[in-house]
């Protein structure tokens, strides 16, 4: 093979694009961890995701093909090419149970990892869905707050016996032995 042919072979040889994924009952979070992506070729169908692009400092070719565990809804799914990665939010066709894995085959591939920053257990996801977008702070403000919580010193002054000038409790002396003069430090 001539040296010109070698360069052609290098151009066609692609590296596996590393991926991270997490899920909820109704969607998948998939991130392709290739930075500075150019010439992206992305195809999302009901059963597969195909990715091919140049990226990284050396602008090498990266590719990945994923056959999903179950069908997804490509029309309701989104992705964005960002400087650091390519994140996807992929809508599951059937909402409900968590998938036991991302891909159809029961093999572990080294280039797909769990995204623990986005991962929630199925039980945690149920709780999140039950509470909706409940915000404790917003709920407290609607309920009128906890009287004085917006002013901690005001709350402390109302705690009788515990404030700075509050009455003594239990008949203790107001002076403490720790209040005695200490010798100067040399």
N, C-alpha and C. Protein backbone atom coordinates (compact mmCIF):
# COMPACT_ATOMS: atom_id res chain seq x y z
N UNK A 1 0.85 -1.17 0.00
CA UNK A 1 0.00 0.00 0.00
C UNK A 1 0.89 1.23 0.00
N UNK A 2 0.64 2.17 -0.88
CA UNK A 2 1.43 3.39 -0.98
C UNK A 2 1.09 4.32 0.18
N UNK A 3 1.97 5.30 0.43
CA UNK A 3 1.74 6.21 1.55
C UNK A 3 0.48 7.03 1.36
N UNK A 4 0.10 7.34 0.15
CA UNK A 4 -1.14 8.05 -0.11
C UNK A 4 -2.35 7.23 0.29
N UNK A 5 -2.28 5.90 0.03
CA UNK A 5 -3.37 5.01 0.42
C UNK A 5 -3.49 4.93 1.94
N UNK A 6 -2.38 5.01 2.64
CA UNK A 6 -2.37 4.96 4.10
C UNK A 6 -3.15 6.13 4.69
N UNK A 7 -2.98 7.30 4.10
CA UNK A 7 -3.70 8.48 4.58
C UNK A 7 -5.20 8.33 4.35
N UNK A 8 -5.56 7.71 3.23
CA UNK A 8 -6.97 7.48 2.95
C UNK A 8 -7.57 6.53 3.96
N UNK A 9 -6.83 5.49 4.33
CA UNK A 9 -7.33 4.51 5.29
C UNK A 9 -7.51 5.16 6.66
N UNK A 10 -6.58 6.04 7.06
CA UNK A 10 -6.69 6.73 8.34
C UNK A 10 -7.92 7.62 8.38
N UNK A 11 -8.23 8.24 7.24
CA UNK A 11 -9.38 9.14 7.18
C UNK A 11 -10.68 8.36 7.40
N UNK A 12 -10.75 7.15 6.84
CA UNK A 12 -11.97 6.37 6.95
C UNK A 12 -12.09 5.64 8.29
N UNK A 13 -10.98 5.40 8.96
CA UNK A 13 -11.02 4.69 10.23
C UNK A 13 -11.49 5.65 11.32
N UNK A 14 -12.58 5.31 11.96
CA UNK A 14 -13.14 6.20 12.97
C UNK A 14 -13.00 5.58 14.36
N UNK A 15 -12.92 6.44 15.34
CA UNK A 15 -12.89 6.01 16.74
C UNK A 15 -14.32 5.91 17.25
N UNK A 16 -14.53 5.07 18.26
CA UNK A 16 -15.86 5.02 18.88
C UNK A 16 -16.09 6.31 19.65
N UNK A 17 -17.22 6.92 19.44
CA UNK A 17 -17.58 8.12 20.18
C UNK A 17 -18.04 7.71 21.58
N UNK A 18 -17.37 8.18 22.64
CA UNK A 18 -17.80 7.81 23.99
C UNK A 18 -19.15 8.44 24.32
N UNK A 19 -19.99 7.67 25.02
CA UNK A 19 -21.33 8.12 25.36
C UNK A 19 -21.61 7.92 26.84
N UNK A 20 -22.48 8.78 27.37
CA UNK A 20 -23.03 8.60 28.71
C UNK A 20 -24.54 8.65 28.57
N UNK A 21 -25.24 7.90 29.44
CA UNK A 21 -26.69 7.92 29.34
C UNK A 21 -27.32 7.80 30.72
N UNK A 22 -28.54 8.31 30.81
CA UNK A 22 -29.39 8.19 31.99
C UNK A 22 -30.82 8.16 31.47
N UNK A 23 -31.76 7.87 32.34
CA UNK A 23 -33.14 7.78 31.87
C UNK A 23 -34.14 8.19 32.94
N UNK A 24 -35.35 8.46 32.46
CA UNK A 24 -36.53 8.65 33.29
C UNK A 24 -37.59 7.72 32.71
N UNK A 25 -38.78 7.74 33.27
CA UNK A 25 -39.85 6.87 32.77
C UNK A 25 -40.16 7.14 31.30
N UNK A 26 -40.07 8.41 30.90
CA UNK A 26 -40.52 8.80 29.57
C UNK A 26 -39.43 9.22 28.60
N UNK A 27 -38.16 9.31 29.07
CA UNK A 27 -37.11 9.80 28.16
C UNK A 27 -35.74 9.26 28.53
N UNK A 28 -34.84 9.40 27.58
CA UNK A 28 -33.44 9.04 27.76
C UNK A 28 -32.61 10.32 27.65
N UNK A 29 -31.58 10.40 28.47
CA UNK A 29 -30.58 11.46 28.34
C UNK A 29 -29.32 10.79 27.82
N UNK A 30 -28.90 11.18 26.64
CA UNK A 30 -27.73 10.58 26.03
C UNK A 30 -26.77 11.71 25.64
N UNK A 31 -25.52 11.58 26.02
CA UNK A 31 -24.52 12.59 25.70
C UNK A 31 -23.36 11.93 24.98
N UNK A 32 -23.05 12.43 23.80
CA UNK A 32 -21.88 11.97 23.07
C UNK A 32 -20.74 12.90 23.45
N UNK A 33 -19.72 12.33 24.08
CA UNK A 33 -18.62 13.12 24.63
C UNK A 33 -17.49 13.32 23.62
N UNK A 34 -17.77 14.11 22.61
CA UNK A 34 -16.76 14.50 21.63
C UNK A 34 -16.83 16.02 21.56
N UNK A 35 -15.68 16.67 21.75
CA UNK A 35 -15.70 18.13 21.73
C UNK A 35 -15.32 18.66 20.34
N UNK A 36 -15.69 19.91 20.13
CA UNK A 36 -15.39 20.62 18.87
C UNK A 36 -15.86 19.83 17.64
N UNK A 37 -17.10 19.38 17.68
CA UNK A 37 -17.67 18.57 16.59
C UNK A 37 -17.86 19.42 15.34
N UNK A 38 -17.38 18.88 14.21
CA UNK A 38 -17.63 19.49 12.90
C UNK A 38 -18.12 18.38 11.97
N UNK A 39 -18.84 18.79 10.94
CA UNK A 39 -19.39 17.85 9.96
C UNK A 39 -20.21 16.74 10.61
N UNK A 40 -21.13 17.08 11.54
CA UNK A 40 -21.90 16.02 12.18
C UNK A 40 -22.91 15.38 11.22
N UNK A 41 -22.98 14.07 11.28
CA UNK A 41 -23.97 13.30 10.54
C UNK A 41 -24.73 12.50 11.59
N UNK A 42 -25.95 12.94 11.89
CA UNK A 42 -26.72 12.33 12.97
C UNK A 42 -28.05 11.86 12.41
N UNK A 43 -28.36 10.60 12.66
CA UNK A 43 -29.64 10.04 12.22
C UNK A 43 -30.27 9.30 13.40
N UNK A 44 -31.47 9.74 13.77
CA UNK A 44 -32.22 9.11 14.85
C UNK A 44 -33.49 8.51 14.28
N UNK A 45 -33.63 7.20 14.42
CA UNK A 45 -34.85 6.51 13.98
C UNK A 45 -35.53 5.93 15.22
N UNK A 46 -36.61 5.20 15.01
CA UNK A 46 -37.33 4.60 16.13
C UNK A 46 -36.50 3.54 16.86
N UNK A 47 -35.53 2.97 16.17
CA UNK A 47 -34.76 1.88 16.78
C UNK A 47 -33.27 2.16 16.92
N UNK A 48 -32.75 3.16 16.21
CA UNK A 48 -31.29 3.38 16.23
C UNK A 48 -30.92 4.86 16.30
N UNK A 49 -29.70 5.08 16.76
CA UNK A 49 -29.05 6.38 16.67
C UNK A 49 -27.71 6.14 15.99
N UNK A 50 -27.48 6.88 14.91
CA UNK A 50 -26.21 6.79 14.19
C UNK A 50 -25.55 8.16 14.24
N UNK A 51 -24.29 8.17 14.66
CA UNK A 51 -23.54 9.41 14.79
C UNK A 51 -22.19 9.25 14.10
N UNK A 52 -21.82 10.25 13.33
CA UNK A 52 -20.49 10.29 12.71
C UNK A 52 -20.12 11.76 12.58
N UNK A 53 -18.91 12.09 13.04
CA UNK A 53 -18.46 13.48 12.97
C UNK A 53 -16.96 13.56 13.21
N UNK A 54 -16.40 14.68 12.81
CA UNK A 54 -15.01 14.98 13.17
C UNK A 54 -15.05 15.74 14.49
N UNK A 55 -14.02 15.51 15.31
CA UNK A 55 -14.00 16.23 16.58
C UNK A 55 -12.68 16.08 17.29
N UNK A 56 -12.61 16.74 18.43
CA UNK A 56 -11.38 16.72 19.22
C UNK A 56 -10.35 17.67 18.64
N UNK A 57 -9.23 17.79 19.33
CA UNK A 57 -8.17 18.71 18.91
C UNK A 57 -7.59 18.32 17.55
N UNK A 58 -7.53 17.03 17.28
CA UNK A 58 -6.93 16.56 16.03
C UNK A 58 -7.95 16.36 14.91
N UNK A 59 -9.21 16.66 15.19
CA UNK A 59 -10.30 16.52 14.21
C UNK A 59 -10.36 15.13 13.61
N UNK A 60 -10.28 14.12 14.48
CA UNK A 60 -10.40 12.74 14.04
C UNK A 60 -11.87 12.40 13.83
N UNK A 61 -12.11 11.35 13.06
CA UNK A 61 -13.48 10.88 12.86
C UNK A 61 -13.91 10.05 14.06
N UNK A 62 -15.13 10.30 14.52
CA UNK A 62 -15.76 9.52 15.59
C UNK A 62 -17.08 9.02 15.06
N UNK A 63 -17.45 7.82 15.50
CA UNK A 63 -18.75 7.31 15.10
C UNK A 63 -19.32 6.42 16.20
N UNK A 64 -20.63 6.28 16.15
CA UNK A 64 -21.32 5.39 17.07
C UNK A 64 -22.64 4.99 16.44
N UNK A 65 -23.00 3.75 16.65
CA UNK A 65 -24.32 3.28 16.23
C UNK A 65 -24.91 2.52 17.40
N UNK A 66 -26.08 2.95 17.82
CA UNK A 66 -26.75 2.35 18.97
C UNK A 66 -28.09 1.81 18.51
N UNK A 67 -28.33 0.54 18.78
CA UNK A 67 -29.66 -0.03 18.56
C UNK A 67 -30.33 -0.06 19.93
N UNK A 68 -31.37 0.75 20.09
CA UNK A 68 -32.01 0.93 21.39
C UNK A 68 -32.69 -0.33 21.91
N UNK A 69 -32.79 -0.43 23.22
CA UNK A 69 -33.45 -1.55 23.88
C UNK A 69 -34.91 -1.66 23.43
N UNK A 70 -35.60 -0.52 23.36
CA UNK A 70 -36.98 -0.45 22.86
C UNK A 70 -37.07 0.75 21.92
N UNK A 71 -38.24 0.94 21.34
CA UNK A 71 -38.42 2.02 20.37
C UNK A 71 -38.49 3.38 21.05
N UNK A 72 -38.05 4.40 20.29
CA UNK A 72 -38.10 5.79 20.73
C UNK A 72 -38.90 6.59 19.72
N UNK A 73 -39.22 7.82 20.09
CA UNK A 73 -39.99 8.71 19.21
C UNK A 73 -39.05 9.80 18.67
N UNK A 74 -38.53 9.62 17.45
CA UNK A 74 -37.56 10.58 16.93
C UNK A 74 -38.13 11.99 16.73
N UNK A 75 -39.44 12.09 16.44
CA UNK A 75 -40.04 13.40 16.21
C UNK A 75 -40.13 14.24 17.48
N UNK A 76 -40.25 13.58 18.63
CA UNK A 76 -40.35 14.28 19.91
C UNK A 76 -39.00 14.41 20.61
N UNK A 77 -37.94 13.96 19.96
CA UNK A 77 -36.60 13.97 20.55
C UNK A 77 -35.81 15.17 20.04
N UNK A 78 -34.80 15.57 20.83
CA UNK A 78 -34.00 16.75 20.47
C UNK A 78 -32.52 16.49 20.73
N UNK A 79 -31.70 17.22 20.00
CA UNK A 79 -30.26 17.21 20.29
C UNK A 79 -29.68 18.56 19.91
N UNK A 80 -28.51 18.85 20.45
CA UNK A 80 -27.81 20.09 20.18
C UNK A 80 -26.32 19.80 20.07
N UNK A 81 -25.66 20.39 19.10
CA UNK A 81 -24.21 20.25 19.00
C UNK A 81 -23.60 21.41 19.77
N UNK A 82 -22.96 21.09 20.89
CA UNK A 82 -22.31 22.09 21.75
C UNK A 82 -20.79 21.98 21.61
N UNK A 83 -20.06 22.97 22.09
CA UNK A 83 -18.59 22.90 21.97
C UNK A 83 -17.96 21.71 22.70
N UNK A 84 -18.54 21.26 23.82
CA UNK A 84 -17.93 20.19 24.60
C UNK A 84 -18.52 18.81 24.33
N UNK A 85 -19.76 18.75 23.81
CA UNK A 85 -20.41 17.46 23.60
C UNK A 85 -21.66 17.63 22.76
N UNK A 86 -22.35 16.52 22.55
CA UNK A 86 -23.62 16.54 21.82
C UNK A 86 -24.67 15.86 22.70
N UNK A 87 -25.46 16.67 23.44
CA UNK A 87 -26.48 16.08 24.31
C UNK A 87 -27.79 15.82 23.55
N UNK A 88 -28.42 14.70 23.89
CA UNK A 88 -29.71 14.31 23.32
C UNK A 88 -30.72 14.15 24.46
N UNK A 89 -31.96 14.52 24.19
CA UNK A 89 -33.09 14.15 25.04
C UNK A 89 -34.00 13.36 24.10
N UNK A 90 -34.07 12.05 24.34
CA UNK A 90 -34.76 11.15 23.43
C UNK A 90 -36.02 10.64 24.11
N UNK A 91 -37.15 10.88 23.49
CA UNK A 91 -38.44 10.47 24.05
C UNK A 91 -38.66 8.99 23.81
N UNK A 92 -38.98 8.26 24.88
CA UNK A 92 -39.32 6.84 24.74
C UNK A 92 -40.70 6.73 24.09
N UNK A 93 -40.88 5.73 23.26
CA UNK A 93 -42.18 5.54 22.62
C UNK A 93 -43.21 5.09 23.65
N UNK A 94 -42.79 4.20 24.56
CA UNK A 94 -43.68 3.73 25.62
C UNK A 94 -43.20 4.26 26.95
N UNK A 95 -44.02 5.11 27.57
CA UNK A 95 -43.68 5.63 28.89
C UNK A 95 -43.98 4.56 29.93
N UNK A 96 -43.20 4.51 30.96
CA UNK A 96 -43.47 3.55 32.02
C UNK A 96 -42.23 3.08 32.71
N UNK A 97 -41.90 1.83 32.48
CA UNK A 97 -40.79 1.22 33.20
C UNK A 97 -39.44 1.69 32.69
N UNK A 98 -38.47 1.67 33.59
CA UNK A 98 -37.10 1.96 33.20
C UNK A 98 -36.56 0.79 32.39
N UNK A 99 -35.70 1.09 31.45
CA UNK A 99 -35.05 0.05 30.67
C UNK A 99 -33.91 -0.54 31.49
N UNK A 100 -33.67 -1.84 31.36
CA UNK A 100 -32.54 -2.43 32.09
C UNK A 100 -31.19 -2.04 31.49
N UNK A 101 -31.19 -1.57 30.25
CA UNK A 101 -29.96 -1.14 29.58
C UNK A 101 -30.35 -0.26 28.39
N UNK A 102 -29.38 0.43 27.83
CA UNK A 102 -29.64 1.32 26.69
C UNK A 102 -29.77 0.56 25.38
N UNK A 103 -28.90 -0.42 25.18
CA UNK A 103 -28.85 -1.10 23.89
C UNK A 103 -29.59 -2.44 23.93
N UNK A 104 -29.98 -2.87 22.75
CA UNK A 104 -30.76 -4.10 22.62
C UNK A 104 -29.96 -5.34 23.04
N UNK A 105 -28.70 -5.41 22.61
CA UNK A 105 -27.86 -6.57 22.93
C UNK A 105 -27.47 -6.56 24.40
N UNK A 106 -27.34 -7.77 24.95
CA UNK A 106 -26.95 -7.90 26.36
C UNK A 106 -25.44 -7.93 26.52
N UNK A 107 -24.75 -7.09 25.80
CA UNK A 107 -23.29 -7.03 25.90
C UNK A 107 -22.90 -5.68 26.50
N UNK A 108 -21.81 -5.69 27.23
CA UNK A 108 -21.30 -4.44 27.80
C UNK A 108 -20.27 -3.87 26.83
N UNK A 109 -20.52 -2.65 26.40
CA UNK A 109 -19.58 -2.00 25.50
C UNK A 109 -18.82 -0.92 26.27
N UNK A 110 -17.53 -0.83 26.02
CA UNK A 110 -16.68 0.07 26.80
C UNK A 110 -16.94 1.55 26.54
N UNK A 111 -17.59 1.88 25.46
CA UNK A 111 -17.77 3.28 25.10
C UNK A 111 -19.12 3.87 25.53
N UNK A 112 -19.96 3.06 26.19
CA UNK A 112 -21.22 3.57 26.76
C UNK A 112 -21.14 3.42 28.27
N UNK A 113 -21.32 4.56 28.96
CA UNK A 113 -21.25 4.57 30.42
C UNK A 113 -22.50 5.23 31.00
N UNK A 114 -22.76 4.98 32.25
CA UNK A 114 -23.88 5.61 32.95
C UNK A 114 -23.51 7.05 33.30
N UNK A 115 -24.42 7.97 33.05
CA UNK A 115 -24.22 9.38 33.42
C UNK A 115 -24.78 9.58 34.82
N UNK A 116 -23.92 9.45 35.82
CA UNK A 116 -24.38 9.53 37.20
C UNK A 116 -24.80 10.94 37.60
N UNK A 117 -24.42 11.95 36.84
CA UNK A 117 -24.87 13.31 37.13
C UNK A 117 -26.35 13.49 36.82
N UNK A 118 -26.87 12.69 35.90
CA UNK A 118 -28.28 12.79 35.52
C UNK A 118 -29.09 11.58 35.98
N UNK A 119 -28.43 10.57 36.46
CA UNK A 119 -29.11 9.32 36.80
C UNK A 119 -30.01 9.48 38.01
N UNK A 120 -31.19 8.90 37.96
CA UNK A 120 -32.10 8.78 39.10
C UNK A 120 -32.62 7.36 39.10
N UNK A 121 -32.71 6.78 40.29
CA UNK A 121 -33.30 5.46 40.38
C UNK A 121 -34.77 5.54 40.04
N UNK A 122 -35.34 4.42 39.68
CA UNK A 122 -36.75 4.39 39.31
C UNK A 122 -37.61 4.88 40.47
N UNK A 123 -37.27 4.52 41.70
CA UNK A 123 -38.03 4.96 42.87
C UNK A 123 -37.91 6.47 43.05
N UNK A 124 -36.72 7.03 42.87
CA UNK A 124 -36.52 8.47 42.99
C UNK A 124 -37.30 9.20 41.92
N UNK A 125 -37.35 8.64 40.74
CA UNK A 125 -38.06 9.26 39.64
C UNK A 125 -39.56 9.31 39.94
N UNK A 126 -40.09 8.25 40.58
CA UNK A 126 -41.51 8.24 40.96
C UNK A 126 -41.80 9.39 41.90
N UNK A 127 -40.93 9.58 42.89
CA UNK A 127 -41.13 10.66 43.85
C UNK A 127 -41.07 12.01 43.16
N UNK A 128 -40.12 12.17 42.26
CA UNK A 128 -39.97 13.42 41.53
C UNK A 128 -41.23 13.71 40.71
N UNK A 129 -41.76 12.68 40.06
CA UNK A 129 -42.96 12.86 39.25
C UNK A 129 -44.18 13.18 40.11
N UNK A 130 -44.27 12.57 41.30
CA UNK A 130 -45.40 12.82 42.18
C UNK A 130 -45.41 14.25 42.69
N UNK A 131 -44.25 14.81 42.94
CA UNK A 131 -44.17 16.16 43.48
C UNK A 131 -44.17 17.20 42.37
N UNK A 132 -44.02 16.78 41.15
CA UNK A 132 -43.99 17.72 40.05
C UNK A 132 -42.80 18.64 40.18
N UNK A 133 -43.02 19.91 39.93
CA UNK A 133 -41.95 20.89 40.05
C UNK A 133 -42.05 21.64 41.36
N UNK A 134 -42.45 20.95 42.43
CA UNK A 134 -42.64 21.60 43.71
C UNK A 134 -41.33 22.21 44.19
N UNK A 135 -41.41 23.46 44.57
CA UNK A 135 -40.26 24.19 45.08
C UNK A 135 -40.60 24.57 46.50
N UNK A 136 -39.84 24.07 47.48
CA UNK A 136 -40.13 24.30 48.88
C UNK A 136 -40.17 25.78 49.20
N UNK A 137 -39.24 26.53 48.66
CA UNK A 137 -39.20 27.97 48.94
C UNK A 137 -40.45 28.66 48.41
N UNK A 138 -40.87 28.31 47.20
CA UNK A 138 -42.08 28.91 46.63
C UNK A 138 -43.31 28.51 47.44
N UNK A 139 -43.35 27.25 47.86
CA UNK A 139 -44.48 26.78 48.67
C UNK A 139 -44.54 27.55 49.99
N UNK A 140 -43.39 27.76 50.63
CA UNK A 140 -43.36 28.47 51.91
C UNK A 140 -43.79 29.92 51.74
N UNK A 141 -43.41 30.54 50.64
CA UNK A 141 -43.81 31.93 50.44
C UNK A 141 -45.31 32.03 50.21
N UNK A 142 -45.90 31.02 49.56
CA UNK A 142 -47.35 31.01 49.37
C UNK A 142 -48.08 30.82 50.68
N UNK A 143 -47.46 30.08 51.61
CA UNK A 143 -48.07 29.82 52.91
C UNK A 143 -47.78 30.93 53.91
N UNK A 144 -47.08 31.95 53.49
CA UNK A 144 -46.77 33.04 54.41
C UNK A 144 -45.46 32.84 55.13
N UNK A 145 -44.69 31.86 54.73
CA UNK A 145 -43.38 31.64 55.33
C UNK A 145 -43.48 31.07 56.73
N UNK A 146 -42.39 31.11 57.44
CA UNK A 146 -42.34 30.63 58.81
C UNK A 146 -42.07 31.80 59.73
N UNK A 147 -42.88 32.80 59.72
CA UNK A 147 -42.77 33.96 60.59
C UNK A 147 -41.38 34.28 61.07
N UNK A 148 -40.73 35.22 60.46
CA UNK A 148 -39.42 35.66 60.91
C UNK A 148 -38.27 34.93 60.24
N UNK A 149 -38.55 33.93 59.41
CA UNK A 149 -37.46 33.19 58.76
C UNK A 149 -36.68 34.09 57.81
N UNK A 150 -37.34 35.14 57.32
CA UNK A 150 -36.61 36.04 56.44
C UNK A 150 -35.68 36.95 57.23
N UNK A 151 -35.88 37.03 58.55
CA UNK A 151 -35.03 37.84 59.42
C UNK A 151 -34.60 36.98 60.60
N UNK A 152 -33.47 36.28 60.50
CA UNK A 152 -33.06 35.37 61.57
C UNK A 152 -32.88 36.04 62.92
N UNK A 153 -32.42 37.30 62.97
CA UNK A 153 -32.24 37.98 64.26
C UNK A 153 -33.59 38.25 64.91
N UNK A 154 -34.59 38.60 64.09
CA UNK A 154 -35.93 38.81 64.63
C UNK A 154 -36.47 37.52 65.21
N UNK A 155 -36.20 36.41 64.55
CA UNK A 155 -36.63 35.11 65.05
C UNK A 155 -35.93 34.79 66.37
N UNK A 156 -34.64 35.09 66.47
CA UNK A 156 -33.88 34.81 67.69
C UNK A 156 -34.40 35.65 68.85
N UNK A 157 -34.76 36.90 68.59
CA UNK A 157 -35.26 37.76 69.66
C UNK A 157 -36.59 37.27 70.21
N UNK A 158 -37.35 36.55 69.39
CA UNK A 158 -38.65 36.05 69.83
C UNK A 158 -38.57 34.71 70.53
N UNK A 159 -37.37 34.18 70.72
CA UNK A 159 -37.22 32.85 71.30
C UNK A 159 -37.02 32.88 72.81
N UNK A 160 -37.48 33.84 73.52
CA UNK A 160 -37.38 33.98 74.97
C UNK A 160 -36.38 33.07 75.67
N UNK A 161 -35.48 33.64 76.43
CA UNK A 161 -34.51 32.88 77.21
C UNK A 161 -33.32 32.44 76.41
N UNK A 162 -33.35 32.60 75.10
CA UNK A 162 -32.24 32.14 74.30
C UNK A 162 -31.57 33.29 73.57
N UNK A 163 -32.22 34.45 73.55
CA UNK A 163 -31.64 35.59 72.87
C UNK A 163 -30.55 36.23 73.72
N UNK A 164 -29.88 37.20 73.17
CA UNK A 164 -28.79 37.87 73.88
C UNK A 164 -29.30 38.59 75.12
N UNK A 165 -30.44 39.24 75.04
CA UNK A 165 -30.95 40.01 76.16
C UNK A 165 -32.15 39.34 76.81
N UNK A 166 -32.42 38.10 76.47
CA UNK A 166 -33.58 37.40 77.00
C UNK A 166 -33.42 37.09 78.47
N UNK A 167 -34.52 36.75 79.15
CA UNK A 167 -34.46 36.44 80.58
C UNK A 167 -33.67 35.17 80.83
N UNK A 168 -33.05 35.10 82.03
CA UNK A 168 -32.30 33.91 82.41
C UNK A 168 -33.27 32.79 82.73
N UNK A 169 -32.89 31.59 82.42
CA UNK A 169 -33.72 30.43 82.66
C UNK A 169 -33.09 29.60 83.76
N UNK A 170 -33.89 29.12 84.70
CA UNK A 170 -33.40 28.22 85.73
C UNK A 170 -32.62 28.92 86.83
N UNK A 171 -32.71 30.24 86.96
CA UNK A 171 -32.07 30.96 88.04
C UNK A 171 -30.55 30.95 87.99
N UNK A 172 -29.95 30.72 86.87
CA UNK A 172 -28.50 30.73 86.76
C UNK A 172 -27.97 32.14 86.89
N UNK A 173 -26.73 32.24 87.34
CA UNK A 173 -26.08 33.54 87.39
C UNK A 173 -25.90 34.04 85.97
N UNK A 174 -25.99 35.35 85.84
CA UNK A 174 -25.83 35.92 84.51
C UNK A 174 -24.37 35.96 84.10
N UNK A 175 -23.45 35.83 85.07
CA UNK A 175 -22.04 35.82 84.73
C UNK A 175 -21.55 34.39 84.63
N UNK A 176 -20.63 34.17 83.79
CA UNK A 176 -20.07 32.85 83.58
C UNK A 176 -18.62 32.87 83.99
N UNK A 177 -18.10 31.76 84.49
CA UNK A 177 -16.71 31.71 84.91
C UNK A 177 -15.77 31.94 83.74
N UNK A 178 -16.26 31.72 82.54
CA UNK A 178 -15.43 31.95 81.36
C UNK A 178 -15.24 33.44 81.08
N UNK A 179 -16.03 34.28 81.76
CA UNK A 179 -15.95 35.72 81.53
C UNK A 179 -14.81 36.38 82.30
N UNK A 180 -14.09 35.63 83.16
CA UNK A 180 -13.00 36.21 83.93
C UNK A 180 -11.91 36.70 82.99
N UNK A 181 -11.12 37.68 83.50
CA UNK A 181 -10.03 38.21 82.70
C UNK A 181 -8.98 37.14 82.46
N UNK A 182 -8.51 37.06 81.26
CA UNK A 182 -7.47 36.11 80.91
C UNK A 182 -6.13 36.83 80.84
N UNK A 183 -5.04 36.15 81.13
CA UNK A 183 -3.74 36.81 81.05
C UNK A 183 -3.40 37.14 79.59
N UNK A 184 -2.56 38.17 79.42
CA UNK A 184 -2.14 38.57 78.08
C UNK A 184 -1.28 37.49 77.45
N UNK A 185 -1.39 37.36 76.17
CA UNK A 185 -0.55 36.41 75.44
C UNK A 185 0.77 37.07 75.11
N UNK A 186 1.83 36.33 75.20
CA UNK A 186 3.15 36.91 74.91
C UNK A 186 3.57 36.62 73.51
